[in-house]
Amino acid sequence: MRTISITIDEELLRGIDRQARGARKTRSEMFRVALREWLAANRRRQAAAGDRAGYQKHPVRADEFGGLVAAQPFDEEWQR
């Protein structure tokens, strides 16, 4: 691990410290968790944007998945 220096406003720091105490984690652990979650969310946003761009470029045809749906076993219990 590496040590870094960041600048953060007092109100945000107080909130982080309060949450860290409640979670019995260090300030550093809180930052690591938050940054991992942000990176994961950003990857999901980028993937979704890529999917949207792909479907805009190549829209789904109305009949595109008909064969797949027809090939599925039908379960009458599911319909109830």
C-alpha atoms as a PDB file:
ATOM      1  CA  MET A   1       0.000   0.000   0.000  1.00  0.00           C
ATOM      2  CA  ARG A   2       1.015   3.571  -0.517  1.00  0.00           C
ATOM      3  CA  THR A   3       0.397   6.614   1.588  1.00  0.00           C
ATOM      4  CA  ILE A   4      -1.170   9.581  -0.197  1.00  0.00           C
ATOM      5  CA  SER A   5      -2.155  13.066   0.824  1.00  0.00           C
ATOM      6  CA  ILE A   6      -5.562  14.534  -0.026  1.00  0.00           C
ATOM      7  CA  THR A   7      -7.401  17.751   0.726  1.00  0.00           C
ATOM      8  CA  ILE A   8     -10.935  17.409   2.060  1.00  0.00           C
ATOM      9  CA  ASP A   9     -13.377  19.868   3.569  1.00  0.00           C
ATOM     10  CA  GLU A  10     -14.078  19.748   7.300  1.00  0.00           C
ATOM     11  CA  GLU A  11     -17.752  18.801   7.049  1.00  0.00           C
ATOM     12  CA  LEU A  12     -17.018  15.778   4.858  1.00  0.00           C
ATOM     13  CA  LEU A  13     -14.154  14.729   7.111  1.00  0.00           C
ATOM     14  CA  ARG A  14     -16.405  14.905  10.201  1.00  0.00           C
ATOM     15  CA  GLY A  15     -18.973  12.741   8.433  1.00  0.00           C
ATOM     16  CA  ILE A  16     -16.325  10.191   7.457  1.00  0.00           C
ATOM     17  CA  ASP A  17     -14.905  10.106  10.967  1.00  0.00           C
ATOM     18  CA  ARG A  18     -18.396   9.668  12.474  1.00  0.00           C
ATOM     19  CA  GLN A  19     -19.169   6.788  10.109  1.00  0.00           C
ATOM     20  CA  ALA A  20     -15.753   5.222  10.677  1.00  0.00           C
ATOM     21  CA  ARG A  21     -16.277   5.202  14.445  1.00  0.00           C
ATOM     22  CA  GLY A  22     -19.701   3.631  14.039  1.00  0.00           C
ATOM     23  CA  ALA A  23     -18.336   0.970  11.692  1.00  0.00           C
ATOM     24  CA  ARG A  24     -15.204   0.443  13.817  1.00  0.00           C
ATOM     25  CA  LYS A  25     -13.007   1.160  10.826  1.00  0.00           C
ATOM     26  CA  THR A  26     -10.120   3.499  10.298  1.00  0.00           C
ATOM     27  CA  ARG A  27     -10.434   6.611   8.214  1.00  0.00           C
ATOM     28  CA  SER A  28      -8.159   4.975   5.625  1.00  0.00           C
ATOM     29  CA  GLU A  29     -10.403   1.887   5.446  1.00  0.00           C
ATOM     30  CA  MET A  30     -13.406   4.120   4.864  1.00  0.00           C
ATOM     31  CA  PHE A  31     -11.674   5.907   1.995  1.00  0.00           C
ATOM     32  CA  ARG A  32     -10.575   2.599   0.434  1.00  0.00           C
ATOM     33  CA  VAL A  33     -14.110   1.184   0.607  1.00  0.00           C
ATOM     34  CA  ALA A  34     -15.636   4.370  -0.812  1.00  0.00           C
ATOM     35  CA  LEU A  35     -13.154   4.548  -3.666  1.00  0.00           C
ATOM     36  CA  ARG A  36     -13.584   0.858  -4.548  1.00  0.00           C
ATOM     37  CA  GLU A  37     -17.352   1.316  -4.627  1.00  0.00           C
ATOM     38  CA  TRP A  38     -17.032   4.459  -6.752  1.00  0.00           C
ATOM     39  CA  LEU A  39     -14.731   2.702  -9.229  1.00  0.00           C
ATOM     40  CA  ALA A  40     -17.112  -0.274  -9.497  1.00  0.00           C
ATOM     41  CA  ALA A  41     -20.114   2.027 -10.013  1.00  0.00           C
ATOM     42  CA  ASN A  42     -18.203   3.989 -12.639  1.00  0.00           C
ATOM     43  CA  ARG A  43     -17.348   0.766 -14.510  1.00  0.00           C
ATOM     44  CA  ARG A  44     -21.054  -0.167 -14.469  1.00  0.00           C
ATOM     45  CA  ARG A  45     -22.016   3.304 -15.757  1.00  0.00           C
ATOM     46  CA  GLN A  46     -19.462   3.057 -18.563  1.00  0.00           C
ATOM     47  CA  ALA A  47     -20.640  -0.432 -19.522  1.00  0.00           C
ATOM     48  CA  ALA A  48     -24.264   0.733 -19.568  1.00  0.00           C
ATOM     49  CA  ALA A  49     -23.325   3.734 -21.719  1.00  0.00           C
ATOM     50  CA  GLY A  50     -21.537   1.388 -24.114  1.00  0.00           C
ATOM     51  CA  ASP A  51     -24.591  -0.874 -24.256  1.00  0.00           C
ATOM     52  CA  ARG A  52     -26.872   2.101 -24.942  1.00  0.00           C
ATOM     53  CA  ALA A  53     -24.573   3.325 -27.713  1.00  0.00           C
ATOM     54  CA  GLY A  54     -24.493  -0.144 -29.257  1.00  0.00           C
ATOM     55  CA  TYR A  55     -28.271  -0.494 -29.217  1.00  0.00           C
ATOM     56  CA  GLN A  56     -28.656   2.997 -30.682  1.00  0.00           C
ATOM     57  CA  LYS A  57     -26.293   2.043 -33.490  1.00  0.00           C
ATOM     58  CA  HIS A  58     -27.870  -1.422 -33.946  1.00  0.00           C
ATOM     59  CA  PRO A  59     -31.436  -1.356 -32.558  1.00  0.00           C
ATOM     60  CA  VAL A  60     -33.154  -4.602 -31.621  1.00  0.00           C
ATOM     61  CA  ARG A  61     -35.603  -5.784 -34.296  1.00  0.00           C
ATOM     62  CA  ALA A  62     -39.109  -6.689 -33.142  1.00  0.00           C
ATOM     63  CA  ASP A  63     -38.621 -10.318 -34.247  1.00  0.00           C
ATOM     64  CA  GLU A  64     -35.019 -10.682 -33.080  1.00  0.00           C
ATOM     65  CA  PHE A  65     -35.672 -12.823 -29.992  1.00  0.00           C
ATOM     66  CA  GLY A  66     -38.823 -14.652 -31.099  1.00  0.00           C
ATOM     67  CA  GLY A  67     -36.959 -17.905 -31.714  1.00  0.00           C
ATOM     68  CA  LEU A  68     -35.347 -17.817 -28.278  1.00  0.00           C
ATOM     69  CA  VAL A  69     -38.668 -17.219 -26.550  1.00  0.00           C
ATOM     70  CA  ALA A  70     -40.333 -20.002 -28.538  1.00  0.00           C
ATOM     71  CA  ALA A  71     -37.544 -22.430 -27.581  1.00  0.00           C
ATOM     72  CA  GLN A  72     -38.071 -21.912 -23.845  1.00  0.00           C
ATOM     73  CA  PRO A  73     -39.953 -24.613 -21.969  1.00  0.00           C
ATOM     74  CA  PHE A  74     -43.324 -23.303 -20.872  1.00  0.00           C
ATOM     75  CA  ASP A  75     -44.216 -23.690 -17.227  1.00  0.00           C
ATOM     76  CA  GLU A  76     -47.890 -23.155 -16.465  1.00  0.00           C
ATOM     77  CA  GLU A  77     -47.093 -22.603 -12.775  1.00  0.00           C
ATOM     78  CA  TRP A  78     -45.071 -19.539 -13.760  1.00  0.00           C
ATOM     79  CA  GLN A  79     -48.056 -18.027 -15.530  1.00  0.00           C
ATOM     80  CA  ARG A  80     -50.299 -18.119 -12.443  1.00  0.00           C
END
